[in-house]
Protein backbone atom coordinates (compact mmCIF):
# COMPACT_ATOMS: atom_id res chain seq x y z
CA MET A 1 1.58 29.06 4.64
CA ALA A 2 1.30 25.17 4.12
CA ALA A 3 -1.74 22.89 4.56
CA GLY A 4 -0.86 20.05 6.85
CA LEU A 5 -2.86 16.56 6.96
CA VAL A 6 -2.14 13.26 8.55
CA ILE A 7 -2.89 10.10 6.58
CA SER A 8 -3.85 7.35 8.94
CA ALA A 9 -6.28 4.19 9.02
CA PRO A 10 -7.68 1.73 11.59
CA ALA A 11 -5.18 -0.50 11.15
CA SER A 12 -1.95 -1.77 9.16
CA GLY A 13 -2.15 -2.93 5.55
CA VAL A 14 -5.14 -0.73 4.65
CA GLY A 15 -3.56 1.41 1.93
CA LYS A 16 -2.03 4.40 3.92
CA THR A 17 1.34 4.47 1.93
CA THR A 18 -0.34 3.99 -1.48
CA LEU A 19 -2.71 6.84 -0.68
CA THR A 20 0.10 9.21 0.73
CA LEU A 21 2.38 8.51 -2.13
CA ALA A 22 -0.46 9.17 -4.87
CA LEU A 23 -1.80 12.42 -3.15
CA ALA A 24 1.91 13.59 -2.94
CA ARG A 25 2.51 13.05 -6.88
CA ALA A 26 -0.85 14.14 -7.78
CA TRP A 27 -0.57 17.58 -6.12
CA ARG A 28 3.13 17.64 -7.34
CA ASN A 29 1.84 17.14 -10.87
CA ARG A 30 -0.32 20.18 -10.25
CA GLY A 31 2.62 22.09 -9.28
CA LEU A 32 2.61 22.10 -5.56
CA ASN A 33 5.49 21.60 -3.41
CA VAL A 34 4.67 18.54 -1.21
CA GLN A 35 6.55 17.58 2.15
CA CYS A 36 6.19 14.28 3.51
CA PHE A 37 6.87 12.85 7.00
CA LYS A 38 6.46 9.30 8.50
CA SER A 39 5.14 8.98 11.91
CA GLY A 40 6.73 6.30 13.79
CA PRO A 41 9.91 4.04 13.38
CA ASP A 42 9.88 3.08 9.54
CA TYR A 43 13.09 3.01 7.33
CA ILE A 44 11.45 2.20 4.31
CA ASP A 45 8.56 4.70 3.57
CA PRO A 46 10.68 7.87 3.78
CA ALA A 47 12.45 6.70 0.54
CA PHE A 48 8.99 6.19 -1.21
CA HIS A 49 7.99 9.61 -0.08
CA ALA A 50 11.14 11.19 -1.59
CA ALA A 51 10.51 9.38 -4.85
CA ALA A 52 7.05 10.76 -5.11
CA THR A 53 7.93 14.46 -3.73
CA GLY A 54 11.48 15.03 -4.88
CA ARG A 55 12.02 16.13 -1.31
CA PRO A 56 13.70 14.24 1.57
CA SER A 57 11.34 12.79 4.12
CA VAL A 58 12.29 12.01 7.79
CA ASN A 59 10.52 10.08 10.76
CA VAL A 60 8.92 11.82 13.69
CA ASP A 61 8.48 9.68 16.51
CA SER A 62 6.37 10.85 19.98
CA TRP A 63 7.88 7.79 22.03
CA ALA A 64 11.56 8.54 21.28
CA MET A 65 11.47 12.18 20.37
CA ASP A 66 10.67 15.32 22.51
CA ARG A 67 8.39 18.23 21.11
CA VAL A 68 11.44 20.11 20.54
CA SER A 69 13.01 17.67 18.09
CA ILE A 70 9.65 16.86 16.42
CA ALA A 71 9.18 20.76 15.60
CA HIS A 72 12.80 20.91 14.28
CA LEU A 73 12.06 18.14 11.73
CA VAL A 74 8.72 19.04 10.79
CA GLY A 75 9.91 22.54 10.09
CA ARG A 76 11.32 21.69 6.81
CA GLY A 77 7.81 21.78 5.61
CA ALA A 78 7.68 25.59 5.98
CA ASP A 79 8.29 26.15 2.45
CA ALA A 80 5.81 23.64 1.21
CA ASP A 81 2.33 24.10 -0.32
CA VAL A 82 1.01 20.77 1.29
CA VAL A 83 2.67 18.63 4.30
CA LEU A 84 1.56 15.09 4.72
CA ALA A 85 2.39 12.96 7.64
CA GLU A 86 1.86 9.31 7.02
CA GLY A 87 0.93 7.37 9.79
CA SER A 88 1.94 3.92 11.18
CA MET A 89 -0.57 1.05 12.18
CA GLY A 90 -3.76 2.40 13.54
CA LEU A 91 -4.45 5.84 14.27
CA PHE A 92 -4.14 5.47 17.90
CA ASP A 93 -1.80 2.25 18.23
CA GLY A 94 1.27 2.92 20.32
CA VAL A 95 2.72 1.30 23.11
CA ALA A 96 1.12 0.93 26.78
CA ALA A 97 3.69 3.34 28.65
CA ARG A 98 4.36 6.86 27.77
CA GLY A 99 7.75 7.87 26.14
CA VAL A 100 9.25 11.30 25.63
CA SER A 101 6.26 13.08 24.31
CA GLY A 102 3.78 10.26 23.68
CA THR A 103 3.19 6.51 23.01
CA GLY A 104 4.35 6.62 19.44
CA ALA A 105 0.63 6.73 17.94
CA THR A 106 0.02 8.55 14.92
CA ALA A 107 -2.79 10.51 16.83
CA ASP A 108 0.08 12.00 19.26
CA ILE A 109 1.48 13.63 16.07
CA ALA A 110 -1.86 14.82 14.67
CA GLU A 111 -2.80 16.36 17.99
CA MET A 112 0.60 17.99 18.57
CA LEU A 113 0.70 19.65 15.13
CA GLY A 114 -3.15 20.25 15.05
CA TRP A 115 -3.55 18.48 11.66
CA PRO A 116 -6.67 16.98 10.71
CA VAL A 117 -6.64 13.28 9.81
CA VAL A 118 -7.89 11.54 6.68
CA LEU A 119 -8.65 8.12 7.18
CA VAL A 120 -8.00 5.14 4.71
CA ILE A 121 -10.94 2.67 5.32
CA ASP A 122 -11.08 -0.85 3.70
CA PRO A 123 -14.71 -1.95 3.98
CA SER A 124 -14.09 -5.39 2.62
CA GLY A 125 -16.52 -7.76 4.09
CA GLN A 126 -18.77 -4.97 5.69
CA ALA A 127 -20.99 -1.90 4.85
CA GLN A 128 -22.53 0.25 7.40
CA THR A 129 -19.94 -1.19 10.09
CA ALA A 130 -17.40 1.19 8.33
CA ALA A 131 -19.30 4.25 9.42
CA ALA A 132 -19.41 2.88 13.00
CA ILE A 133 -15.48 2.55 12.83
CA ALA A 134 -14.97 5.93 11.27
CA ALA A 135 -17.14 7.71 13.74
CA GLY A 136 -15.56 5.79 16.72
CA LEU A 137 -12.28 6.70 15.84
CA ARG A 138 -13.37 10.55 15.33
CA ASP A 139 -14.82 10.45 18.96
CA TYR A 140 -12.06 8.61 20.52
CA ARG A 141 -9.77 11.31 21.47
CA PRO A 142 -10.98 14.88 21.60
CA GLY A 143 -7.90 16.54 20.42
CA VAL A 144 -7.68 14.63 17.33
CA ARG A 145 -9.66 15.72 14.35
CA LEU A 146 -11.03 13.88 11.68
CA ALA A 147 -11.12 15.58 8.30
CA GLY A 148 -12.87 12.67 6.31
CA VAL A 149 -12.27 9.30 4.85
CA VAL A 150 -11.09 7.63 1.56
CA LEU A 151 -12.55 4.02 0.91
CA ASN A 152 -10.10 1.58 -0.51
CA ARG A 153 -10.99 -1.78 -2.08
CA VAL A 154 -14.74 -1.00 -2.50
CA ALA A 155 -16.16 -4.40 -4.21
CA SER A 156 -18.85 -2.50 -6.42
CA PRO A 157 -21.00 0.56 -6.97
CA ARG A 158 -23.65 -0.79 -4.76
CA HIS A 159 -21.07 -1.59 -1.86
CA GLU A 160 -19.77 1.94 -2.30
CA ASP A 161 -23.47 3.52 -2.00
CA LEU A 162 -24.24 1.66 1.23
CA VAL A 163 -21.04 2.66 2.85
CA ARG A 164 -21.39 6.27 1.79
CA ARG A 165 -25.06 6.48 2.85
CA ALA A 166 -23.82 5.28 6.34
CA LEU A 167 -20.98 7.65 6.66
CA ASN A 168 -23.36 10.46 5.61
CA GLU A 169 -25.60 9.55 8.48
CA VAL A 170 -22.86 9.96 11.02
CA GLY A 171 -21.51 13.23 9.58
CA VAL A 172 -18.30 11.74 7.98
CA ALA A 173 -17.06 13.41 4.64
CA VAL A 174 -16.10 10.87 2.06
CA PHE A 175 -13.53 12.26 -0.15
CA GLY A 176 -13.45 9.18 -2.52
CA ALA A 177 -13.67 5.57 -2.87
CA LEU A 178 -11.06 3.39 -4.68
CA PRO A 179 -12.28 0.14 -6.26
CA ARG A 180 -10.02 -2.77 -6.39
CA HIS A 181 -6.75 -2.03 -8.50
CA ALA A 182 -4.05 -4.77 -8.17
CA GLU A 183 -1.68 -2.66 -10.52
CA ILE A 184 -0.90 -0.26 -7.78
CA SER A 185 -0.18 -2.50 -5.02
CA LEU A 186 3.37 -2.11 -3.76
CA PRO A 187 5.38 -5.42 -3.27
CA LYS A 188 5.81 -6.63 0.21
CA ARG A 189 8.67 -8.22 2.13
CA HIS A 190 8.85 -9.86 5.46
CA LEU A 191 9.66 -6.61 7.22
CA GLY A 192 7.34 -4.52 5.39
CA LEU A 193 7.51 -2.92 1.78
CA VAL A 194 10.55 -3.66 -0.73
CA GLN A 195 12.75 -0.65 -0.61
CA ALA A 196 12.23 2.20 -3.00
CA GLU A 197 15.86 1.82 -4.69
CA GLU A 198 14.81 -2.04 -5.37
CA GLN A 199 12.25 -1.02 -7.70
CA ALA A 200 13.39 0.40 -11.05
CA GLU A 201 9.69 1.13 -11.93
CA ILE A 202 8.78 3.07 -8.91
CA GLY A 203 8.46 6.33 -10.67
CA LYS A 204 5.80 4.68 -13.00
CA LEU A 205 4.04 3.03 -10.16
CA ILE A 206 3.68 6.12 -8.33
CA ASP A 207 2.40 7.96 -11.39
CA GLU A 208 -0.16 5.22 -11.90
CA ALA A 209 -1.20 5.38 -8.24
CA ALA A 210 -1.69 9.20 -8.77
CA ARG A 211 -3.59 8.96 -11.87
CA PHE A 212 -6.00 6.46 -10.29
CA ILE A 213 -6.36 8.67 -7.07
CA ALA A 214 -7.08 11.57 -9.33
CA GLU A 215 -9.93 9.78 -10.90
CA HIS A 216 -11.37 8.62 -7.65
CA VAL A 217 -10.59 10.98 -5.06
CA ASP A 218 -11.61 14.68 -4.88
CA LEU A 219 -8.35 16.25 -4.44
CA ASP A 220 -9.45 19.63 -3.97
CA ALA A 221 -11.77 18.79 -1.07
CA VAL A 222 -9.10 16.76 0.52
CA LEU A 223 -6.76 19.98 0.18
CA GLN A 224 -9.42 22.37 1.57
CA SER A 225 -9.76 20.01 4.53
CA ALA A 226 -6.12 20.49 5.76
CA ALA A 227 -5.04 22.89 8.39
CA LYS A 228 -3.18 26.15 7.53
CA TRP A 229 0.03 25.57 9.28
CA SER A 230 3.23 27.70 9.77
CA PRO A 231 5.90 26.00 11.89
CA HIS A 232 7.05 27.72 15.17
CA PRO A 233 10.84 28.33 15.35
CA ALA A 234 12.60 25.35 17.20
CA THR A 235 15.11 26.84 19.43
CA ASN A 236 17.20 23.55 19.54
CA GLY A 237 17.63 20.83 16.78
CA LEU A 238 17.95 17.21 17.29
CA ASN A 239 19.67 15.54 20.32
CA VAL A 240 22.17 13.57 18.16
CA THR A 241 25.87 13.13 18.53
CA PRO A 242 27.77 11.91 15.37
CA PRO A 243 29.71 8.82 16.10
CA GLY A 244 32.96 10.55 14.55
CA GLN A 245 34.19 13.25 12.47
CA ARG A 246 34.68 11.02 9.33
CA ILE A 247 32.15 8.18 9.22
CA ALA A 248 32.60 5.03 6.95
CA LEU A 249 29.04 4.21 6.31
CA ALA A 250 28.15 0.95 4.81
CA ARG A 251 25.39 1.69 2.31
CA ASP A 252 23.83 -0.60 -0.28
CA ALA A 253 20.95 -3.13 -0.60
CA ALA A 254 22.18 -5.11 2.46
CA PHE A 255 22.77 -2.06 4.73
CA SER A 256 20.20 0.52 4.02
CA PHE A 257 18.00 0.80 7.33
CA VAL A 258 19.33 4.09 8.86
CA TYR A 259 17.06 6.98 9.80
CA PRO A 260 17.32 9.89 7.44
CA HIS A 261 17.06 12.49 10.51
CA MET A 262 20.46 10.51 11.93
CA LEU A 263 22.25 11.16 8.87
CA GLU A 264 21.32 14.80 8.55
CA ALA A 265 21.98 15.43 12.20
CA TRP A 266 25.43 13.89 11.78
CA ARG A 267 26.06 16.24 8.90
CA ALA A 268 24.82 19.27 10.67
CA ALA A 269 26.98 18.51 13.64
CA GLY A 270 30.12 18.85 11.20
CA ALA A 271 30.60 15.19 10.39
CA GLU A 272 31.52 13.86 7.09
CA ILE A 273 29.96 10.66 5.82
CA VAL A 274 31.83 8.27 3.41
CA PRO A 275 29.59 5.57 1.95
CA PHE A 276 31.17 2.32 1.03
CA SER A 277 29.40 -0.91 -0.10
CA PRO A 278 30.28 -4.35 1.44
CA LEU A 279 28.19 -6.05 -1.46
CA ALA A 280 30.58 -4.52 -3.85
CA ASP A 281 33.41 -5.91 -1.79
CA GLU A 282 34.54 -2.60 -0.64
CA ALA A 283 36.34 -1.91 2.50
CA PRO A 284 35.71 1.24 4.95
CA ASP A 285 37.65 4.31 3.83
CA ALA A 286 41.15 4.23 5.45
CA SER A 287 40.94 7.99 6.38
CA ALA A 288 37.66 7.54 8.41
CA ASN A 289 37.81 7.50 12.29
CA VAL A 290 34.73 5.36 12.89
CA CYS A 291 32.81 2.80 10.89
CA TRP A 292 28.93 2.21 11.10
CA LEU A 293 27.05 -0.67 9.34
CA PRO A 294 23.30 -0.06 9.70
CA GLY A 295 20.50 -2.61 9.39
CA GLY A 296 19.06 -3.95 6.44
CA TYR A 297 18.70 -7.32 4.56
CA PRO A 298 22.06 -9.02 5.19
CA GLU A 299 20.27 -12.59 5.42
CA LEU A 300 19.35 -12.14 1.79
CA HIS A 301 23.05 -11.71 0.87
CA ALA A 302 24.73 -13.62 3.50
CA GLY A 303 26.73 -15.78 0.73
CA ARG A 304 27.96 -12.83 -0.94
CA ILE A 305 29.11 -11.03 2.06
CA ALA A 306 30.77 -14.11 3.38
CA ALA A 307 32.61 -14.45 0.09
CA ASN A 308 33.64 -10.70 0.06
CA ALA A 309 37.16 -11.18 1.56
CA ARG A 310 38.34 -7.55 0.70
CA PHE A 311 35.27 -6.20 2.91
CA ARG A 312 35.72 -8.62 5.68
CA SER A 313 39.53 -8.34 5.87
CA GLY A 314 39.29 -4.57 5.37
CA LEU A 315 36.69 -4.27 8.31
CA ARG A 316 38.81 -6.27 10.52
CA GLY A 317 41.82 -4.07 9.92
CA PHE A 318 39.87 -1.10 10.36
CA ALA A 319 38.62 -2.40 13.96
CA GLU A 320 42.23 -3.01 15.25
CA THR A 321 42.53 0.74 15.78
CA ARG A 322 39.12 2.48 15.39
CA PRO A 323 35.61 1.85 16.65
CA VAL A 324 33.07 -0.07 14.31
CA HIS A 325 29.34 -0.25 15.25
CA GLY A 326 26.74 -2.33 13.67
CA GLU A 327 22.81 -2.10 14.13
CA CYS A 328 20.61 -4.94 13.78
CA GLY A 329 21.68 -6.38 10.44
CA GLY A 330 25.08 -4.64 10.78
CA TYR A 331 25.37 -6.16 14.20
CA MET A 332 24.72 -9.68 12.93
CA VAL A 333 27.62 -9.13 10.11
CA LEU A 334 29.85 -8.11 12.82
CA GLY A 335 29.30 -11.43 14.50
CA ALA A 336 30.70 -14.85 13.84
CA ALA A 337 28.15 -16.17 11.76
CA LEU A 338 24.75 -15.81 10.11
CA THR A 339 22.56 -18.72 9.40
CA ASP A 340 20.07 -17.84 6.34
CA ALA A 341 16.43 -18.98 6.01
CA ASP A 342 17.66 -22.47 4.13
CA GLY A 343 19.71 -23.24 7.10
CA VAL A 344 23.00 -22.54 5.44
CA ARG A 345 25.50 -21.19 8.00
CA HIS A 346 27.79 -18.26 6.73
CA GLU A 347 30.73 -16.89 8.18
CA MET A 348 30.71 -13.24 8.93
CA ALA A 349 33.30 -10.82 10.09
CA GLY A 350 34.09 -12.19 13.28
CA LEU A 351 34.55 -9.07 15.30
CA LEU A 352 32.01 -10.00 17.84
CA GLY A 353 30.83 -13.70 18.93
CA LEU A 354 27.26 -13.06 17.97
CA GLU A 355 25.66 -15.87 16.07
CA THR A 356 22.16 -15.62 14.48
CA SER A 357 19.72 -17.75 12.56
CA PHE A 358 16.82 -17.11 10.22
CA ALA A 359 16.21 -20.76 9.91
CA ARG A 360 14.27 -20.46 13.34
CA ARG A 361 12.24 -17.28 12.54
CA ARG A 362 11.11 -15.46 15.72
CA MET A 363 9.69 -11.79 15.42
CA HIS A 364 11.54 -9.28 17.79
CA LEU A 365 9.62 -6.00 17.47
CA GLY A 366 9.26 -2.87 19.72
CA TYR A 367 10.67 0.29 21.27
CA ARG A 368 13.75 -0.02 23.09
CA LEU A 369 15.39 2.03 26.02
CA ALA A 370 19.00 1.22 26.35
CA GLU A 371 21.33 2.34 29.25
CA LEU A 372 25.10 1.92 28.18
CA ALA A 373 27.20 -0.09 30.20
CA ALA A 374 30.13 1.05 28.06
CA PRO A 375 30.82 3.89 25.56
CA MET A 376 29.90 3.21 21.95
CA PRO A 377 30.58 5.74 18.96
CA GLY A 378 28.88 8.99 19.67
CA HIS A 379 27.78 8.18 23.19
CA GLU A 380 29.47 7.87 26.84
CA ALA A 381 28.87 4.97 29.21
CA GLY A 382 25.47 5.83 31.06
CA ALA A 383 23.94 7.30 28.14
CA ARG A 384 20.09 6.51 27.64
CA LEU A 385 19.37 5.68 23.99
CA ARG A 386 15.99 5.24 22.46
CA GLY A 387 15.74 3.17 19.59
CA HIS A 388 13.49 0.36 17.82
CA GLU A 389 14.15 -3.38 16.99
CA PHE A 390 12.40 -5.24 14.17
CA HIS A 391 13.82 -8.39 12.81
CA TYR A 392 13.11 -12.04 12.63
CA SER A 393 16.40 -13.64 13.59
CA THR A 394 17.17 -15.79 16.60
CA ILE A 395 20.19 -15.44 18.88
CA VAL A 396 22.33 -18.70 18.82
CA ALA A 397 25.12 -17.24 20.73
CA GLN A 398 25.74 -13.93 22.14
CA PRO A 399 28.97 -14.50 24.33
CA ASP A 400 30.74 -11.09 24.54
CA THR A 401 30.19 -8.44 27.17
CA PRO A 402 27.01 -6.81 27.29
CA LEU A 403 26.91 -3.20 25.95
CA ALA A 404 23.91 -2.32 27.67
CA VAL A 405 20.95 -2.90 29.69
CA VAL A 406 18.01 -2.86 27.38
CA HIS A 407 14.20 -2.50 28.27
CA ASP A 408 11.27 -2.63 26.20
CA ALA A 409 8.70 -0.06 26.10
CA THR A 410 6.93 -1.45 29.34
CA GLY A 411 10.27 -1.35 31.13
CA THR A 412 10.98 -5.17 30.90
CA VAL A 413 14.53 -6.13 30.73
CA ILE A 414 15.10 -7.84 27.41
CA ALA A 415 18.04 -10.30 26.45
CA GLU A 416 19.06 -8.53 23.22
CA THR A 417 21.55 -6.48 25.22
CA GLY A 418 24.08 -5.60 22.46
CA SER A 419 27.72 -6.69 22.55
CA ARG A 420 31.24 -5.12 22.80
CA ARG A 421 34.71 -6.56 21.98
CA GLY A 422 37.55 -4.48 21.59
CA HIS A 423 36.68 -1.42 19.32
CA ALA A 424 33.58 -3.39 18.00
CA THR A 425 29.95 -2.79 19.44
CA GLY A 426 26.78 -3.58 18.08
CA THR A 427 22.94 -3.51 19.10
CA PHE A 428 19.92 -5.02 17.79
CA PHE A 429 17.81 -1.84 18.05
CA HIS A 430 18.25 1.15 15.47
CA LEU A 431 19.04 4.47 17.16
CA ILE A 432 16.48 7.13 17.05
CA ALA A 433 17.56 9.70 19.65
CA GLU A 434 19.59 10.05 23.18
CA ASP A 435 17.46 11.22 26.11
CA ARG A 436 18.11 15.14 26.71
């Protein structure tokens, strides 16, 4: 029987990922099998989880997924000793309108699974107020249990003592206090953390974080606070249809944002995935019957993509007879041109008329519910798809026929409809699940 915990915080940027990775590696170093999950739509943290535990991590999302799908995904932790679900944003932060099984908040997952929450609190610039925040989060939603807190970025022993005393007075356990330690900070980028595969020293970084956490956190007390958990058998798996039987999947530093559960669901349905690298000037496999370009950071590699003639001509030839779909960055590459942050315009594949620019940055962020006006690989017209959009590009032109009517989480229609032309389709959102 596994021990289940949720790692959360009052806000983003407090240290959830660092604590999750450090706990996972520290317990793994003690000989325990650790399974991680990520609550919410994040493409990057699961790769860090896998690096820390040696086991694949997947996303669970209460806005986009039903309880059956979440139970199916979490069931992979049945053979683990410890199961950690890393939250996103603050503990109760989600969207205003409820989705399939919740608002997307980490608290939904904690309540659904019955796992207590370990809060990471950064008391910088405060002392006793940190206790008020912890007590408020503990009492905000009766179905969510607080196990205790780990203090991060404590300024001094006196500062730690003030905060600990206040937390003790309100009955909140303190598992440990971390002094400021820049060496274990993970690099940032405009969409969040730098990807795990981009960091040659990721293993050393996680080992250092684990050593640091073991010095300052009572690992035994944290483990004892976890809920004993064994998953209930899920009668059905994920509601995900593969886009084809043999899928040519763009996969490199420019095309890496694809949810792990999607790839697993495709394989479970019998599909074969054939990776190729546009950055290495590779074309999609000629034997594939569909090509899929995930999101990523094409804007950082736009000049190289534009110069890779074999990739672009091979993609165009593929699209003459078979479907090609792009998500977010992949959609931009299917378009006519991409202007980078320096204002340089790069010619893309030209399968769609989309033109985007990073010279005029504007954040697009949020859940998306799309009703397809036409088919796309794996989904018929009329299908309702749930996904998430996060990018900083501005649409310069989107002249092709809209692929879908797209709403945000409040039901408001948005301009990012996606496009279709011939065998090519694209969306700005990353697909998470189809409504059952």
